[in-house]
Amino acid sequence: MLTDGLPSQVTIREVGPREGVQILQTIIPTESKLKIIQALVRSGIKEIEVASFVRPDRVPTMADVDALVAGLPRHSDVDFTALYLNQKGFLRAEGSGVLKNRGWLYTSPSESFLKANSNVSLNDSLAAVSSWIELFNQHGKVLHGLMVSAAFGCGYEGRIESAQVELVVRRFIDECRKAGADLEEVCLADTIGVANPRSVRATVRALRQLGVPTISLHLHNTWGLAAANVYAGLLEGVSLFESSVGGMGGCPFTPGASGNVATEDVVYLCHSMGITTGIDLKNLCEAAELAESLTGSILPSEVYQAWKHSGRIVPFPVEKSGGRD
């Protein structure tokens, strides 16, 4: 059967309120951001990345991060998180008392991307592993995961091969173990959207050999293959995807980066094949519609646009149990 090997359930991490907003040329009011987040909560999504703790002069759309976090709805069954790229950002996030961040490390097989995004080298990142783990422990956290940006290709350095990614991850695993910790998850980010189903499958397979319990995917749709790459991940047993409401997103430090794979497209793909997500697709499309109106952008999500122009009808069963009335 074609469905052999596919996971029965998929988990979605919503990154739209952070990655979808950071690339915008206009400043979205904090109240509008909170309305989008509340709509996403109603859809049944259980983890939402709401913002990033970065320098406002570099990413002006994140200047209101403290006010945004203070205004978040208090739902015990939804984990609100925020991106941090350095220890100062981590401490700011922890100081909020609201966010439920895990202990993440960040790297890339592209030295050029690391320099542009974080002003560090690969060796700098590896050397900092023990201090990160110590900092996590000081704040009652354990090391959780490694985010690998530009894992399939880079706007500066071109194609990235699976062997390059495997080598970088292997080096991080070794450094983590020297510090007495293990990675629970590796998230592969197709930062500029140049992955294809073959490269996705090859890289996931390469990392499986390293024994990391969870491999997740963060995909972009620059060249139109994001949904195909989700399916490729599903075929390799990936059951955790990061996506963005309406397909918003992009990296302000990477030439050519465009929107993430749309959350609606991932959910529809899964539901149409009988894979559960716990998300109400109708409510999710309504969240995309709200995001489109509040940001003033025409969102590229194919499923959302089809829903909007076909009488707001979802052709496959909607998971009613996932959403909130």
Protein backbone atom coordinates (compact mmCIF):
# COMPACT_ATOMS: atom_id res chain seq x y z
CA MET A 1 0.00 0.00 0.00
CA LEU A 2 1.12 3.55 -0.68
CA THR A 3 0.46 4.52 2.93
CA ASP A 4 2.80 1.88 4.38
CA GLY A 5 5.31 3.51 6.70
CA LEU A 6 3.44 6.80 7.07
CA PRO A 7 2.95 8.04 10.64
CA SER A 8 -0.60 7.83 11.98
CA GLN A 9 -0.29 11.20 13.73
CA VAL A 10 1.63 14.41 13.01
CA THR A 11 2.51 17.26 15.35
CA ILE A 12 2.62 20.83 14.08
CA ARG A 13 4.75 23.60 15.54
CA GLU A 14 3.32 26.91 14.38
CA VAL A 15 5.98 29.54 13.65
CA GLY A 16 3.90 32.11 11.76
CA PRO A 17 3.61 34.74 14.51
CA ARG A 18 7.40 34.86 14.64
CA GLU A 19 8.77 33.92 11.23
CA GLY A 20 5.77 35.19 9.32
CA VAL A 21 6.02 38.64 10.88
CA GLN A 22 9.79 39.14 10.98
CA ILE A 23 10.09 39.53 7.21
CA LEU A 24 7.30 42.12 6.84
CA GLN A 25 8.22 45.64 5.73
CA THR A 26 5.55 47.22 7.94
CA ILE A 27 5.16 47.08 11.71
CA ILE A 28 2.12 45.09 12.81
CA PRO A 29 0.51 46.34 16.05
CA THR A 30 0.95 44.10 19.07
CA GLU A 31 -2.83 43.77 19.39
CA SER A 32 -3.06 42.40 15.85
CA LYS A 33 -0.35 39.84 16.52
CA LEU A 34 -2.21 38.70 19.64
CA LYS A 35 -5.44 38.29 17.66
CA ILE A 36 -3.66 36.00 15.19
CA ILE A 37 -2.19 33.96 18.05
CA GLN A 38 -5.59 33.62 19.70
CA ALA A 39 -7.09 32.42 16.41
CA LEU A 40 -4.34 29.81 16.12
CA VAL A 41 -5.08 28.64 19.65
CA ARG A 42 -8.72 28.11 18.62
CA SER A 43 -7.57 25.82 15.81
CA GLY A 44 -6.08 23.38 18.30
CA ILE A 45 -2.37 23.96 17.71
CA LYS A 46 -0.46 23.06 20.86
CA GLU A 47 2.86 24.85 20.30
CA ILE A 48 3.18 28.35 18.86
CA GLU A 49 6.41 30.29 18.38
CA VAL A 50 5.24 33.83 18.98
CA ALA A 51 8.31 36.06 18.54
CA SER A 52 12.07 36.28 18.73
CA PHE A 53 14.36 37.99 21.20
CA VAL A 54 16.65 39.78 18.78
CA ARG A 55 18.03 43.28 18.35
CA PRO A 56 15.19 45.60 17.23
CA ASP A 57 17.57 47.54 15.00
CA ARG A 58 18.12 44.35 12.97
CA VAL A 59 14.54 43.04 13.11
CA PRO A 60 12.25 46.02 13.86
CA THR A 61 9.09 43.91 13.72
CA MET A 62 10.22 42.18 16.93
CA ALA A 63 10.70 45.38 18.93
CA ASP A 64 7.47 44.75 20.87
CA VAL A 65 8.41 41.24 22.00
CA ASP A 66 8.11 42.01 25.72
CA ALA A 67 4.65 43.56 25.36
CA LEU A 68 3.54 40.71 23.11
CA VAL A 69 4.63 38.02 25.56
CA ALA A 70 2.96 39.88 28.44
CA GLY A 71 -0.31 39.88 26.50
CA LEU A 72 -0.39 36.19 25.60
CA PRO A 73 -3.51 34.23 26.53
CA ARG A 74 -2.97 31.94 29.49
CA HIS A 75 -3.74 28.41 28.24
CA SER A 76 -2.08 25.64 30.18
CA ASP A 77 -2.35 23.22 27.26
CA VAL A 78 -0.65 25.50 24.71
CA ASP A 79 3.10 26.02 24.77
CA PHE A 80 4.09 29.53 23.72
CA THR A 81 7.75 29.79 22.79
CA ALA A 82 10.13 32.38 21.33
CA LEU A 83 13.30 32.17 19.29
CA TYR A 84 16.62 33.11 20.86
CA LEU A 85 19.98 32.96 19.10
CA ASN A 86 22.32 33.97 21.89
CA GLN A 87 22.48 33.71 25.66
CA LYS A 88 21.25 37.26 26.19
CA GLY A 89 18.13 36.42 24.20
CA PHE A 90 17.63 33.22 26.17
CA LEU A 91 17.81 35.10 29.48
CA ARG A 92 15.30 37.69 28.24
CA ALA A 93 12.92 34.90 27.22
CA GLU A 94 13.30 33.16 30.56
CA GLY A 95 12.66 36.42 32.37
CA SER A 96 9.18 36.63 30.89
CA GLY A 97 7.91 33.87 33.16
CA VAL A 98 5.33 32.97 30.51
CA LEU A 99 7.17 31.15 27.73
CA LYS A 100 7.82 27.42 27.72
CA ASN A 101 11.06 27.34 25.79
CA ARG A 102 13.16 24.21 25.52
CA GLY A 103 16.92 24.08 25.44
CA TRP A 104 17.89 24.59 21.78
CA LEU A 105 21.24 24.92 20.07
CA TYR A 106 21.53 26.52 16.63
CA THR A 107 23.96 25.87 13.79
CA SER A 108 24.32 25.44 10.05
CA PRO A 109 26.65 23.61 7.68
CA SER A 110 27.03 26.99 5.93
CA GLU A 111 29.64 29.20 7.56
CA SER A 112 28.35 32.15 5.54
CA PHE A 113 24.83 31.73 6.91
CA LEU A 114 26.13 31.52 10.48
CA LYS A 115 28.08 34.73 10.01
CA ALA A 116 25.10 36.59 8.52
CA ASN A 117 22.50 35.25 10.95
CA SER A 118 24.39 35.06 14.25
CA ASN A 119 27.87 36.49 13.61
CA VAL A 120 29.54 33.25 14.68
CA SER A 121 31.50 30.44 13.02
CA LEU A 122 30.81 26.72 13.22
CA ASN A 123 33.76 26.30 15.56
CA ASP A 124 32.41 29.12 17.75
CA SER A 125 29.07 27.30 17.96
CA LEU A 126 30.71 24.02 18.90
CA ALA A 127 32.90 25.68 21.51
CA ALA A 128 29.83 27.24 23.14
CA VAL A 129 27.94 23.94 23.58
CA SER A 130 29.10 23.29 27.16
CA SER A 131 28.26 26.83 28.30
CA TRP A 132 24.79 26.56 26.74
CA ILE A 133 24.12 23.28 28.52
CA GLU A 134 25.32 24.80 31.79
CA LEU A 135 23.02 27.78 31.28
CA PHE A 136 20.06 25.50 30.54
CA ASN A 137 20.75 23.54 33.71
CA GLN A 138 20.95 26.73 35.77
CA HIS A 139 17.40 27.52 34.65
CA GLY A 140 15.99 24.07 35.30
CA LYS A 141 16.11 22.93 31.68
CA VAL A 142 17.83 20.11 29.89
CA LEU A 143 19.26 20.22 26.41
CA HIS A 144 16.51 19.40 23.93
CA GLY A 145 17.42 19.98 20.32
CA LEU A 146 19.63 21.28 17.54
CA MET A 147 18.24 23.50 14.79
CA VAL A 148 20.22 23.09 11.56
CA SER A 149 19.55 26.06 9.29
CA ALA A 150 20.25 26.00 5.53
CA ALA A 151 20.36 22.22 5.79
CA PHE A 152 19.67 21.63 2.09
CA GLY A 153 21.11 24.72 0.45
CA CYS A 154 22.33 28.23 1.17
CA GLY A 155 21.92 31.52 -0.65
CA TYR A 156 25.62 32.17 -0.09
CA GLU A 157 27.23 28.76 -0.58
CA GLY A 158 24.84 26.82 -2.81
CA ARG A 159 23.81 23.18 -2.46
CA ILE A 160 24.35 21.44 0.88
CA GLU A 161 24.82 17.66 0.72
CA SER A 162 23.45 15.25 3.31
CA ALA A 163 27.00 14.20 4.23
CA GLN A 164 27.80 17.78 5.25
CA VAL A 165 24.76 17.91 7.51
CA GLU A 166 25.56 14.52 9.03
CA LEU A 167 29.11 15.63 9.83
CA VAL A 168 27.95 18.83 11.55
CA VAL A 169 25.30 17.01 13.59
CA ARG A 170 27.77 14.30 14.54
CA ARG A 171 30.19 16.94 15.84
CA PHE A 172 27.43 18.51 17.94
CA ILE A 173 26.42 15.13 19.34
CA ASP A 174 30.02 14.55 20.41
CA GLU A 175 30.28 17.97 22.07
CA CYS A 176 26.96 17.50 23.85
CA ARG A 177 28.05 14.13 25.22
CA LYS A 178 31.32 15.61 26.47
CA ALA A 179 29.13 18.00 28.48
CA GLY A 180 26.96 15.15 29.77
CA ALA A 181 23.91 15.69 27.57
CA ASP A 182 22.22 14.15 24.54
CA LEU A 183 20.18 15.64 21.74
CA GLU A 184 16.53 14.62 21.74
CA GLU A 185 15.68 16.30 18.43
CA VAL A 186 17.33 17.61 15.30
CA CYS A 187 15.26 20.03 13.21
CA LEU A 188 16.34 20.35 9.59
CA ALA A 189 15.51 23.78 8.18
CA ASP A 190 15.26 24.37 4.44
CA THR A 191 15.87 28.06 5.01
CA ILE A 192 15.74 29.18 1.37
CA GLY A 193 13.38 26.52 0.07
CA VAL A 194 15.71 24.61 -2.25
CA ALA A 195 15.15 21.09 -0.87
CA ASN A 196 13.57 18.41 -3.02
CA PRO A 197 12.00 15.08 -2.01
CA ARG A 198 15.18 13.15 -2.78
CA SER A 199 17.42 15.45 -0.70
CA VAL A 200 14.93 15.44 2.17
CA ARG A 201 14.82 11.65 2.25
CA ALA A 202 18.60 11.34 1.93
CA THR A 203 19.31 13.77 4.77
CA VAL A 204 16.72 12.27 7.11
CA ARG A 205 18.14 8.80 6.43
CA ALA A 206 21.68 10.03 7.09
CA LEU A 207 20.68 11.42 10.48
CA ARG A 208 18.72 8.31 11.44
CA GLN A 209 22.06 6.53 11.61
CA LEU A 210 23.15 8.87 14.41
CA GLY A 211 20.41 7.66 16.75
CA VAL A 212 18.72 11.00 17.42
CA PRO A 213 15.22 10.15 18.77
CA THR A 214 13.33 12.82 16.78
CA ILE A 215 14.02 14.37 13.40
CA SER A 216 11.75 17.25 12.43
CA LEU A 217 11.46 19.46 9.35
CA HIS A 218 11.16 23.22 8.91
CA LEU A 219 10.42 23.77 5.22
CA HIS A 220 10.08 26.80 2.96
CA ASN A 221 8.20 27.00 -0.32
CA THR A 222 10.44 29.31 -2.36
CA TRP A 223 10.53 26.94 -5.35
CA GLY A 224 7.12 25.34 -4.82
CA LEU A 225 8.21 21.97 -3.44
CA ALA A 226 7.36 22.39 0.24
CA ALA A 227 4.28 20.12 0.22
CA ALA A 228 6.17 17.49 -1.78
CA ASN A 229 8.98 17.71 0.75
CA VAL A 230 6.51 17.25 3.60
CA TYR A 231 5.32 14.08 1.91
CA ALA A 232 8.91 12.92 1.48
CA GLY A 233 9.42 13.46 5.20
CA LEU A 234 6.28 11.51 5.99
CA LEU A 235 7.57 8.61 3.90
CA GLU A 236 10.68 8.61 6.10
CA GLY A 237 8.59 8.56 9.26
CA VAL A 238 8.93 12.25 10.16
CA SER A 239 5.97 13.20 12.34
CA LEU A 240 6.93 16.71 13.51
CA PHE A 241 6.82 19.72 11.18
CA GLU A 242 7.25 23.45 11.69
CA SER A 243 4.94 25.53 9.51
CA SER A 244 3.43 28.98 9.22
CA VAL A 245 -0.18 30.10 9.06
CA GLY A 246 -1.02 31.15 5.51
CA GLY A 247 2.53 30.41 4.35
CA MET A 248 3.91 33.62 5.84
CA GLY A 249 7.61 33.89 6.53
CA GLY A 250 11.18 34.17 5.39
CA CYS A 251 14.62 34.92 6.82
CA PRO A 252 15.70 38.58 6.77
CA PHE A 253 19.38 37.56 6.69
CA THR A 254 19.21 35.10 3.77
CA PRO A 255 18.96 36.14 0.11
CA GLY A 256 16.05 34.43 -1.66
CA ALA A 257 14.22 33.18 1.41
CA SER A 258 10.43 33.24 1.17
CA GLY A 259 7.51 31.87 3.11
CA ASN A 260 7.31 28.69 5.14
CA VAL A 261 5.20 25.76 4.10
CA ALA A 262 1.66 26.78 5.00
CA THR A 263 0.19 25.13 8.08
CA GLU A 264 -3.12 24.66 6.24
CA ASP A 265 -1.35 22.83 3.41
CA VAL A 266 0.39 20.45 5.82
CA VAL A 267 -2.80 19.78 7.78
CA TYR A 268 -4.88 19.22 4.63
CA LEU A 269 -2.25 16.85 3.20
CA CYS A 270 -2.24 14.85 6.42
CA HIS A 271 -6.01 14.75 6.86
CA SER A 272 -6.57 13.74 3.24
CA MET A 273 -4.40 10.66 3.85
CA GLY A 274 -5.97 9.78 7.19
CA ILE A 275 -3.13 11.16 9.33
CA THR A 276 -4.41 12.99 12.40
CA THR A 277 -3.10 16.34 13.60
CA GLY A 278 -5.53 17.40 16.32
CA ILE A 279 -6.15 20.62 14.37
CA ASP A 280 -9.49 21.93 13.11
CA LEU A 281 -8.79 22.91 9.48
CA LYS A 282 -11.78 25.25 9.26
CA ASN A 283 -10.63 27.21 12.30
CA LEU A 284 -7.10 27.20 10.93
CA CYS A 285 -8.24 28.70 7.62
CA GLU A 286 -10.12 31.35 9.57
CA ALA A 287 -6.86 32.15 11.38
CA ALA A 288 -5.14 32.52 8.00
CA GLU A 289 -7.92 34.83 6.82
CA LEU A 290 -7.45 36.98 9.91
CA ALA A 291 -3.68 37.05 9.40
CA GLU A 292 -4.17 38.10 5.78
CA SER A 293 -6.45 40.97 6.74
CA LEU A 294 -4.28 42.21 9.62
CA THR A 295 -0.96 42.04 7.76
CA GLY A 296 -2.32 43.40 4.49
CA SER A 297 -0.53 40.62 2.58
CA ILE A 298 -2.04 38.11 0.16
CA LEU A 299 -1.04 34.82 1.73
CA PRO A 300 0.30 32.08 -0.56
CA SER A 301 -1.29 29.06 1.17
CA GLU A 302 -2.98 27.04 -1.56
CA VAL A 303 -5.39 25.34 0.82
CA TYR A 304 -6.40 28.60 2.46
CA GLN A 305 -6.97 30.29 -0.92
CA ALA A 306 -8.97 27.28 -2.17
CA TRP A 307 -11.06 27.34 1.02
CA LYS A 308 -11.68 31.09 0.70
CA HIS A 309 -12.73 30.93 -2.97
CA SER A 310 -14.84 27.76 -2.83
CA GLY A 311 -17.45 28.76 -0.29
CA ARG A 312 -15.26 28.04 2.75
CA ILE A 313 -15.77 24.30 2.41
CA VAL A 314 -13.23 21.72 3.57
CA PRO A 315 -13.50 18.60 1.34
CA PHE A 316 -12.05 16.20 3.90
CA PRO A 317 -13.22 15.61 7.47
CA VAL A 318 -12.24 18.33 9.90
CA GLU A 319 -10.83 17.23 13.25
CA LYS A 320 -13.43 18.86 15.48
CA SER A 321 -11.82 17.59 18.66
CA GLY A 322 -8.65 19.63 18.11
CA GLY A 323 -10.12 23.12 18.09
CA ARG A 324 -11.74 25.37 20.65
CA ASP A 325 -15.18 26.89 20.33
